[in-house]
C-alpha atoms as a PDB file:
ATOM      1  CA  MET A   1      50.985  99.897 196.127  1.00  0.00           C
ATOM      2  CA  LEU A   2      50.705 102.201 193.800  1.00  0.00           C
ATOM      3  CA  LYS A   3      53.849 101.305 192.122  1.00  0.00           C
ATOM      4  CA  ASN A   4      52.358  97.363 191.777  1.00  0.00           C
ATOM      5  CA  LEU A   5      49.379  99.024 189.784  1.00  0.00           C
ATOM      6  CA  VAL A   6      51.146 100.920 187.546  1.00  0.00           C
ATOM      7  CA  TYR A   7      53.135  98.124 186.363  1.00  0.00           C
ATOM      8  CA  GLY A   8      50.169  95.170 186.840  1.00  0.00           C
ATOM      9  CA  LEU A   9      47.334  96.993 185.272  1.00  0.00           C
ATOM     10  CA  PRO A  10      49.070  97.167 181.920  1.00  0.00           C
ATOM     11  CA  THR A  11      50.643  93.813 182.096  1.00  0.00           C
ATOM     12  CA  LEU A  12      47.086  92.317 182.916  1.00  0.00           C
ATOM     13  CA  LEU A  13      45.884  94.232 179.804  1.00  0.00           C
ATOM     14  CA  LEU A  14      48.278  92.767 177.293  1.00  0.00           C
ATOM     15  CA  LEU A  15      47.990  89.095 178.642  1.00  0.00           C
ATOM     16  CA  GLY A  16      44.051  89.525 178.256  1.00  0.00           C
ATOM     17  CA  CYS A  17      44.209  90.761 174.297  1.00  0.00           C
ATOM     18  CA  ALA A  18      46.605  88.472 173.529  1.00  0.00           C
ATOM     19  CA  ASP A  19      44.546  85.604 173.379  1.00  0.00           C
ATOM     20  CA  THR A  20      42.486  85.430 170.218  1.00  0.00           C
ATOM     21  CA  SER A  21      40.019  82.285 169.773  1.00  0.00           C
ATOM     22  CA  ASP A  22      40.693  79.895 166.825  1.00  0.00           C
ATOM     23  CA  ARG A  23      37.524  81.091 164.861  1.00  0.00           C
ATOM     24  CA  TYR A  24      39.673  83.959 163.383  1.00  0.00           C
ATOM     25  CA  ARG A  25      43.189  82.145 162.904  1.00  0.00           C
ATOM     26  CA  ASP A  26      41.500  79.080 160.666  1.00  0.00           C
ATOM     27  CA  SER A  27      39.913  80.301 157.377  1.00  0.00           C
ATOM     28  CA  HIS A  28      38.035  77.259 156.726  1.00  0.00           C
ATOM     29  CA  GLU A  29      34.537  78.324 157.585  1.00  0.00           C
ATOM     30  CA  LEU A  30      34.732  81.549 155.958  1.00  0.00           C
ATOM     31  CA  GLU A  31      32.101  81.420 153.275  1.00  0.00           C
ATOM     32  CA  MET A  32      33.678  80.671 149.877  1.00  0.00           C
ATOM     33  CA  PRO A  33      32.699  81.767 146.007  1.00  0.00           C
ATOM     34  CA  PRO A  34      30.864  79.502 143.887  1.00  0.00           C
ATOM     35  CA  VAL A  35      31.946  77.164 141.462  1.00  0.00           C
ATOM     36  CA  LEU A  36      30.526  77.934 138.103  1.00  0.00           C
ATOM     37  CA  PRO A  37      30.592  75.393 135.551  1.00  0.00           C
ATOM     38  CA  VAL A  38      32.210  76.154 132.043  1.00  0.00           C
ATOM     39  CA  GLU A  39      29.191  76.104 129.202  1.00  0.00           C
ATOM     40  CA  HIS A  40      31.641  76.247 126.059  1.00  0.00           C
ATOM     41  CA  THR A  41      30.557  72.692 124.991  1.00  0.00           C
ATOM     42  CA  GLN A  42      31.457  73.352 121.208  1.00  0.00           C
ATOM     43  CA  ALA A  43      34.750  74.269 119.716  1.00  0.00           C
ATOM     44  CA  GLN A  44      35.518  77.414 119.518  1.00  0.00           C
ATOM     45  CA  PRO A  45      36.356  79.166 115.726  1.00  0.00           C
ATOM     46  CA  VAL A  46      39.423  79.260 114.635  1.00  0.00           C
ATOM     47  CA  VAL A  47      41.186  83.133 114.245  1.00  0.00           C
ATOM     48  CA  ALA A  48      40.379  84.169 110.120  1.00  0.00           C
ATOM     49  CA  ALA A  49      43.507  85.881 108.609  1.00  0.00           C
ATOM     50  CA  ASP A  50      40.974  88.817 107.708  1.00  0.00           C
ATOM     51  CA  ASP A  51      40.514  89.055 111.817  1.00  0.00           C
ATOM     52  CA  LEU A  52      44.153  89.615 112.528  1.00  0.00           C
ATOM     53  CA  LYS A  53      44.074  93.045 109.676  1.00  0.00           C
ATOM     54  CA  PRO A  54      43.378  96.341 111.531  1.00  0.00           C
ATOM     55  CA  LYS A  55      39.864  97.540 111.331  1.00  0.00           C
ATOM     56  CA  SER A  56      39.938 101.073 109.539  1.00  0.00           C
ATOM     57  CA  SER A  57      38.959 103.708 112.343  1.00  0.00           C
ATOM     58  CA  SER A  58      35.739 104.980 112.767  1.00  0.00           C
ATOM     59  CA  LEU A  59      37.137 108.479 111.623  1.00  0.00           C
ATOM     60  CA  ALA A  60      38.546 107.547 108.257  1.00  0.00           C
ATOM     61  CA  ALA A  61      35.209 108.763 106.906  1.00  0.00           C
ATOM     62  CA  LEU A  62      36.395 112.283 108.367  1.00  0.00           C
ATOM     63  CA  MET A  63      38.666 113.243 105.059  1.00  0.00           C
ATOM     64  CA  ALA A  64      38.411 112.921 101.362  1.00  0.00           C
ATOM     65  CA  PHE A  65      41.343 113.446  99.435  1.00  0.00           C
ATOM     66  CA  GLU A  66      41.669 113.974  95.928  1.00  0.00           C
ATOM     67  CA  ASP A  67      44.931 115.001  94.490  1.00  0.00           C
ATOM     68  CA  ASP A  68      45.280 115.123  90.357  1.00  0.00           C
ATOM     69  CA  GLY A  69      48.978 115.868  90.076  1.00  0.00           C
ATOM     70  CA  THR A  70      48.155 119.976  90.217  1.00  0.00           C
ATOM     71  CA  LYS A  71      46.156 121.301  92.453  1.00  0.00           C
ATOM     72  CA  PRO A  72      45.139 118.240  95.363  1.00  0.00           C
ATOM     73  CA  VAL A  73      41.530 119.013  97.008  1.00  0.00           C
ATOM     74  CA  LEU A  74      41.296 118.587 101.002  1.00  0.00           C
ATOM     75  CA  THR A  75      37.693 117.984 102.503  1.00  0.00           C
ATOM     76  CA  LEU A  76      36.923 117.319 106.086  1.00  0.00           C
ATOM     77  CA  LYS A  77      33.805 116.687 106.788  1.00  0.00           C
ATOM     78  CA  THR A  78      33.140 117.524 110.018  1.00  0.00           C
ATOM     79  CA  ARG A  79      31.868 121.050 111.685  1.00  0.00           C
ATOM     80  CA  PRO A  80      34.311 124.128 111.284  1.00  0.00           C
ATOM     81  CA  GLU A  81      35.321 124.130 114.890  1.00  0.00           C
ATOM     82  CA  ARG A  82      36.503 120.534 115.005  1.00  0.00           C
ATOM     83  CA  ALA A  83      38.125 121.381 111.157  1.00  0.00           C
ATOM     84  CA  TRP A  84      39.885 124.486 112.316  1.00  0.00           C
ATOM     85  CA  GLU A  85      41.813 122.091 115.845  1.00  0.00           C
ATOM     86  CA  MET A  86      42.722 119.819 113.305  1.00  0.00           C
ATOM     87  CA  VAL A  87      44.374 121.979 111.123  1.00  0.00           C
ATOM     88  CA  THR A  88      45.853 123.961 113.736  1.00  0.00           C
ATOM     89  CA  THR A  89      47.158 120.364 114.955  1.00  0.00           C
ATOM     90  CA  ALA A  90      48.511 119.243 111.921  1.00  0.00           C
ATOM     91  CA  LEU A  91      50.690 122.897 111.427  1.00  0.00           C
ATOM     92  CA  LYS A  92      51.748 121.925 114.862  1.00  0.00           C
ATOM     93  CA  ILE A  93      52.726 118.498 114.260  1.00  0.00           C
ATOM     94  CA  SER A  94      54.428 119.511 111.248  1.00  0.00           C
ATOM     95  CA  ASN A  95      56.894 121.893 112.802  1.00  0.00           C
ATOM     96  CA  ILE A  96      54.916 124.779 110.786  1.00  0.00           C
ATOM     97  CA  GLU A  97      55.470 128.274 111.836  1.00  0.00           C
ATOM     98  CA  VAL A  98      51.792 130.071 111.741  1.00  0.00           C
ATOM     99  CA  LEU A  99      52.724 134.072 111.542  1.00  0.00           C
ATOM    100  CA  ASP A 100      48.916 134.484 111.944  1.00  0.00           C
ATOM    101  CA  LYS A 101      45.730 132.984 112.167  1.00  0.00           C
ATOM    102  CA  ASN A 102      41.739 133.885 112.193  1.00  0.00           C
ATOM    103  CA  ARG A 103      39.233 131.930 113.606  1.00  0.00           C
ATOM    104  CA  GLU A 104      36.176 134.316 112.357  1.00  0.00           C
ATOM    105  CA  GLU A 105      37.712 134.367 108.498  1.00  0.00           C
ATOM    106  CA  ASN A 106      38.942 130.274 109.089  1.00  0.00           C
ATOM    107  CA  ARG A 107      42.119 131.934 107.792  1.00  0.00           C
ATOM    108  CA  PHE A 108      45.763 131.123 108.560  1.00  0.00           C
ATOM    109  CA  GLN A 109      48.971 132.729 107.657  1.00  0.00           C
ATOM    110  CA  VAL A 110      52.417 130.377 107.477  1.00  0.00           C
ATOM    111  CA  ARG A 111      56.072 130.487 106.636  1.00  0.00           C
ATOM    112  CA  TYR A 112      56.502 127.205 104.593  1.00  0.00           C
ATOM    113  CA  ASP A 113      59.227 125.724 102.608  1.00  0.00           C
ATOM    114  CA  PRO A 114      57.979 122.611 100.983  1.00  0.00           C
ATOM    115  CA  ASP A 115      61.729 121.220 100.443  1.00  0.00           C
ATOM    116  CA  THR A 116      61.800 120.436 104.128  1.00  0.00           C
ATOM    117  CA  GLY A 117      58.421 118.976 104.226  1.00  0.00           C
ATOM    118  CA  GLY A 118      58.245 120.281 107.692  1.00  0.00           C
ATOM    119  CA  LYS A 119      61.236 118.602 109.031  1.00  0.00           C
ATOM    120  CA  GLU A 120      64.833 120.657 109.982  1.00  0.00           C
ATOM    121  CA  GLU A 121      66.907 121.192 106.949  1.00  0.00           C
ATOM    122  CA  SER A 122      70.059 120.109 106.862  1.00  0.00           C
ATOM    123  CA  VAL A 123      73.403 121.692 104.976  1.00  0.00           C
ATOM    124  CA  LEU A 124      73.150 119.765 101.882  1.00  0.00           C
ATOM    125  CA  ASP A 125      69.646 120.477 101.605  1.00  0.00           C
ATOM    126  CA  VAL A 126      69.996 123.918 101.321  1.00  0.00           C
ATOM    127  CA  PHE A 127      72.327 123.110  98.518  1.00  0.00           C
ATOM    128  CA  PHE A 128      71.034 120.454  96.652  1.00  0.00           C
ATOM    129  CA  ASN A 129      67.580 120.289  97.067  1.00  0.00           C
ATOM    130  CA  ASP A 130      65.978 123.891  96.440  1.00  0.00           C
ATOM    131  CA  ASP A 131      63.095 124.093  94.184  1.00  0.00           C
ATOM    132  CA  TYR A 132      60.764 125.809  96.009  1.00  0.00           C
ATOM    133  CA  ALA A 133      61.503 129.164  97.833  1.00  0.00           C
ATOM    134  CA  GLU A 134      60.591 129.575 101.677  1.00  0.00           C
ATOM    135  CA  ALA A 135      57.371 131.815 101.373  1.00  0.00           C
ATOM    136  CA  GLU A 136      54.181 132.814 103.094  1.00  0.00           C
ATOM    137  CA  TYR A 137      51.043 130.841 102.210  1.00  0.00           C
ATOM    138  CA  ILE A 138      47.939 131.798 103.452  1.00  0.00           C
ATOM    139  CA  ILE A 139      45.769 128.211 104.301  1.00  0.00           C
ATOM    140  CA  THR A 140      41.666 129.129 104.240  1.00  0.00           C
ATOM    141  CA  LEU A 141      38.895 126.647 105.812  1.00  0.00           C
ATOM    142  CA  LYS A 142      35.970 127.044 103.350  1.00  0.00           C
ATOM    143  CA  GLU A 143      32.411 125.558 104.238  1.00  0.00           C
ATOM    144  CA  ASP A 144      31.071 123.431 101.342  1.00  0.00           C
ATOM    145  CA  ILE A 145      28.347 120.585 101.127  1.00  0.00           C
ATOM    146  CA  LEU A 146      30.756 118.190 101.717  1.00  0.00           C
ATOM    147  CA  GLY A 147      32.364 119.664 104.829  1.00  0.00           C
ATOM    148  CA  MET A 148      35.409 122.368 105.348  1.00  0.00           C
ATOM    149  CA  VAL A 149      37.292 122.458 102.536  1.00  0.00           C
ATOM    150  CA  VAL A 150      41.209 123.080 102.945  1.00  0.00           C
ATOM    151  CA  ASN A 151      42.879 125.670 100.458  1.00  0.00           C
ATOM    152  CA  ALA A 152      46.378 126.581 100.296  1.00  0.00           C
ATOM    153  CA  ALA A 153      47.215 130.122  98.431  1.00  0.00           C
ATOM    154  CA  LEU A 154      50.801 132.056  98.271  1.00  0.00           C
ATOM    155  CA  SER A 155      49.962 135.271  99.858  1.00  0.00           C
ATOM    156  CA  LYS A 156      52.289 137.450  97.621  1.00  0.00           C
ATOM    157  CA  PRO A 157      52.673 135.223  94.486  1.00  0.00           C
ATOM    158  CA  ASP A 158      54.640 138.293  92.866  1.00  0.00           C
ATOM    159  CA  GLU A 159      57.256 138.191  95.593  1.00  0.00           C
ATOM    160  CA  LEU A 160      58.125 134.885  94.857  1.00  0.00           C
ATOM    161  CA  GLU A 161      62.251 135.206  95.026  1.00  0.00           C
ATOM    162  CA  PHE A 162      62.226 131.443  92.801  1.00  0.00           C
ATOM    163  CA  GLY A 163      61.305 128.332  92.272  1.00  0.00           C
ATOM    164  CA  GLU A 164      57.575 127.419  92.324  1.00  0.00           C
ATOM    165  CA  ASP A 165      54.406 127.640  94.003  1.00  0.00           C
ATOM    166  CA  GLY A 166      54.252 125.003  97.051  1.00  0.00           C
ATOM    167  CA  SER A 167      50.712 125.413  97.890  1.00  0.00           C
ATOM    168  CA  ALA A 168      50.144 122.031  96.408  1.00  0.00           C
ATOM    169  CA  GLU A 169      52.716 120.278  98.241  1.00  0.00           C
ATOM    170  CA  LEU A 170      51.439 121.995 101.606  1.00  0.00           C
ATOM    171  CA  VAL A 171      48.056 120.800 101.231  1.00  0.00           C
ATOM    172  CA  ARG A 172      49.680 117.449 100.504  1.00  0.00           C
ATOM    173  CA  LEU A 173      51.604 117.642 104.035  1.00  0.00           C
ATOM    174  CA  LEU A 174      48.291 118.713 106.052  1.00  0.00           C
ATOM    175  CA  HIS A 175      46.683 115.710 104.483  1.00  0.00           C
ATOM    176  CA  LYS A 176      49.321 113.581 105.742  1.00  0.00           C
ATOM    177  CA  ALA A 177      49.724 114.984 109.171  1.00  0.00           C
ATOM    178  CA  ILE A 178      45.888 114.552 109.704  1.00  0.00           C
ATOM    179  CA  ASP A 179      45.365 111.242 107.959  1.00  0.00           C
ATOM    180  CA  GLU A 180      48.859 109.888 109.931  1.00  0.00           C
ATOM    181  CA  LYS A 181      48.786 111.448 113.078  1.00  0.00           C
ATOM    182  CA  ILE A 182      45.722 112.579 113.954  1.00  0.00           C
ATOM    183  CA  ILE A 183      42.527 110.241 112.173  1.00  0.00           C
ATOM    184  CA  ASN A 184      44.629 106.929 112.139  1.00  0.00           C
ATOM    185  CA  ARG A 185      47.259 107.727 114.411  1.00  0.00           C
ATOM    186  CA  ASP A 186      46.007 104.437 117.060  1.00  0.00           C
ATOM    187  CA  GLN A 187      46.885 102.359 114.050  1.00  0.00           C
ATOM    188  CA  ASN A 188      50.302 103.458 113.132  1.00  0.00           C
ATOM    189  CA  ASN A 189      51.065 103.109 117.030  1.00  0.00           C
ATOM    190  CA  SER A 190      49.695  99.832 116.372  1.00  0.00           C
ATOM    191  CA  ASP A 191      51.890  98.733 113.604  1.00  0.00           C
ATOM    192  CA  GLU A 192      54.775  99.785 116.019  1.00  0.00           C
END
């Protein structure tokens, strides 16, 4: 009797649970979402050619750059902490070696060769493109009425081996990196 109970009870339980009613199998009785009418009765306007052009970034007003050919002026129209981060990021993006930085004095000391423009130097560049000597430069951020002015100068102008002062090229490279890689990076990604 115990043997029949052990095998019979689970069998009856499984047979009882196997039967489900039709109300769970048929989904036509479920509530359907309402059908909303389309309310576009007028023709949609055609996309203008100006709509396809990239919009200027809201960050584009963060920077002013003036270059008269001799000494460029880069002004970051933001608070000092943000300007510091922008210059730090631009130096990192441009592969410029930072020797020392002092946040309290808003000063960076970097090693830079204007001939490379922040890129790796090839064998031919060493021989044919050597207008500037690699030197140490000091980049300073000064607070101005318009924002933070970025200046670059040779740290030891008397020890320049040959060539010219490349501080103007350094400011131009920083402007290019901040403009293309930080402020307008979304537009550059959409163009590609």
